[in-house]
């Protein structure tokens, strides 16, 4: 994931997918319950006879089990989507806080495209005439620390 994607990406659509997944899981749970209490339960208590009886009972049992499998899979997907959405929102919050802390130290974070970014120290025009000989108000260690922190967040968000 690159800097601007995490910083400005539309996570609302992922949030909508979470809601849709949770609704689908609930509907499949209702279908699973209905398949077990109505379809399979009635098939188990029915008086079956003939060649089709074995085939029909087996088909109904497998069909009811498929609803249970579908519910389990939908629940897993909904949980994965929810966890992913929560983690990305958290990483975005951490990224925003890191960039704000950097700004307080006169650091700028710029997305340079292709998944890369740069952290630079801001200088005032009058730094060239500073009698101490310093070229700017920022320390290279602060630049490197912010860069490493942001890179770690981007790496985690990619995973």
Foldseek 3Di string as FASTA:
>chain_A
DADCCLQPNDLVVLVVVLVVLVVVLVVLVVVLVCLVPPQLVCLVPDDDDDDVNVVVNVVSVVVSVVSVVVSVVSVVVSVVSVVLSVLSVVLNVVLVVLQVVCVVQQWHWAGPDPRDIAIDHDADPCQVVDPVPDNGSHDVVSRVVSRVVNVVSVVVNVD
